[in-house]
Amino acid sequence: MRIVWFSRKKGGPDTDNIVKPILDELDGIIYRTDAQIKQCLATRIDQTKPYAISDRNVPDDLYRSLVDLISSSHSDILFVEVGKLTSQEVVFGEIDRSGI
């Protein structure tokens, strides 16, 4: 599962505090129980700073919709992707080049 929160405003809940309510709401709808979740990646994108998105693994229509939403005047956009885990690869090292 991938949760991406695009935000234009300062403050608000921490990224870890938005994950649990989302997982709880999807319980019984997307999966039988949240015990089935084997991987969850959550990211908060500060839209007031430079960022990049890629269309590498996203269908064109979904990518276009996401770009349109991000370009809109909404202060917060939440993208949740649910799918089958295809590997158990773990990559260690630098998360990004910007630091913390």
Protein backbone atom coordinates (compact mmCIF):
# COMPACT_ATOMS: atom_id res chain seq x y z
CA MET A 1 0.00 0.00 0.00
CA ARG A 2 1.24 3.46 -0.85
CA ILE A 3 -0.18 6.59 0.74
CA VAL A 4 0.93 9.94 -0.66
CA TRP A 5 -0.31 13.14 0.94
CA PHE A 6 0.24 16.26 -1.17
CA SER A 7 -0.06 19.28 1.13
CA ARG A 8 0.23 23.02 0.55
CA LYS A 9 -0.23 24.10 4.14
CA LYS A 10 2.10 24.14 7.11
CA GLY A 11 1.26 22.07 10.15
CA GLY A 12 -1.48 19.50 10.27
CA PRO A 13 -1.11 15.93 11.43
CA ASP A 14 2.20 14.15 11.14
CA THR A 15 2.45 11.61 8.34
CA ASP A 16 2.39 8.67 10.76
CA ASN A 17 -0.86 9.99 12.26
CA ILE A 18 -2.70 9.95 8.92
CA VAL A 19 -1.83 6.33 8.11
CA LYS A 20 -3.71 4.50 10.89
CA PRO A 21 -7.13 6.11 10.26
CA ILE A 22 -6.83 5.37 6.52
CA LEU A 23 -5.91 1.73 7.17
CA ASP A 24 -8.78 1.41 9.66
CA GLU A 25 -11.31 2.85 7.18
CA LEU A 26 -10.24 0.46 4.42
CA ASP A 27 -10.53 -2.55 6.77
CA GLY A 28 -13.37 -4.77 5.54
CA ILE A 29 -13.65 -2.83 2.26
CA ILE A 30 -10.31 -3.34 0.49
CA TYR A 31 -9.03 -6.19 2.67
CA ARG A 32 -10.63 -8.50 5.22
CA THR A 33 -8.36 -7.36 8.02
CA ASP A 34 -5.44 -4.96 8.24
CA ALA A 35 -3.31 -7.92 9.32
CA GLN A 36 -3.14 -8.66 5.58
CA ILE A 37 -1.09 -5.50 4.99
CA LYS A 38 2.51 -6.53 4.46
CA GLN A 39 3.92 -3.19 3.39
CA CYS A 40 2.86 0.42 3.77
CA LEU A 41 4.78 3.40 2.48
CA ALA A 42 3.57 6.85 3.52
CA THR A 43 4.93 10.10 2.16
CA ARG A 44 3.96 13.72 2.75
CA ILE A 45 4.85 15.97 -0.17
CA ASP A 46 5.22 19.65 0.70
CA GLN A 47 3.93 21.35 -2.43
CA THR A 48 5.55 24.63 -1.42
CA LYS A 49 8.96 23.05 -2.11
CA PRO A 50 10.28 21.47 -5.33
CA TYR A 51 9.18 17.86 -5.87
CA ALA A 52 8.93 15.40 -8.74
CA ILE A 53 6.41 12.73 -9.68
CA SER A 54 6.92 9.98 -12.23
CA ASP A 55 4.53 8.27 -14.61
CA ARG A 56 6.71 5.15 -14.91
CA ASN A 57 4.30 2.68 -13.33
CA VAL A 58 0.99 4.53 -13.61
CA PRO A 59 -1.58 4.28 -16.41
CA ASP A 60 -1.77 7.48 -18.47
CA ASP A 61 -5.33 8.37 -17.45
CA LEU A 62 -4.59 7.95 -13.73
CA TYR A 63 -1.38 9.96 -14.02
CA ARG A 64 -3.20 12.77 -15.88
CA SER A 65 -5.95 12.84 -13.23
CA LEU A 66 -3.39 13.03 -10.45
CA VAL A 67 -1.48 15.86 -12.16
CA ASP A 68 -4.76 17.74 -12.68
CA LEU A 69 -5.66 17.36 -9.01
CA ILE A 70 -2.22 18.45 -7.86
CA SER A 71 -2.47 21.50 -10.14
CA SER A 72 -5.85 22.45 -8.68
CA SER A 73 -6.37 24.83 -5.78
CA HIS A 74 -6.99 22.07 -3.22
CA SER A 75 -4.75 22.44 -0.17
CA ASP A 76 -4.58 18.68 0.47
CA ILE A 77 -4.73 15.71 -1.88
CA LEU A 78 -4.49 12.13 -0.67
CA PHE A 79 -3.45 9.37 -3.08
CA VAL A 80 -3.86 5.78 -1.87
CA GLU A 81 -2.63 2.89 -3.99
CA VAL A 82 -3.51 -0.67 -3.01
CA GLY A 83 -2.15 -3.69 -4.76
CA LYS A 84 -0.57 -7.09 -4.48
CA LEU A 85 2.92 -7.20 -3.00
CA THR A 86 5.17 -8.41 -5.80
CA SER A 87 8.39 -8.83 -3.83
CA GLN A 88 9.82 -8.65 -0.36
CA GLU A 89 12.69 -6.44 -1.41
CA VAL A 90 14.03 -4.07 1.22
CA VAL A 91 16.30 -1.24 0.17
CA PHE A 92 18.42 0.47 2.80
CA GLY A 93 20.22 3.74 2.47
CA GLU A 94 19.41 7.35 1.81
CA ILE A 95 15.68 7.97 1.42
CA ASP A 96 16.13 11.16 -0.57
CA ARG A 97 18.83 13.68 -1.26
CA SER A 98 17.26 16.58 0.63
CA GLY A 99 17.98 15.32 4.13
CA ILE A 100 15.50 15.54 6.98
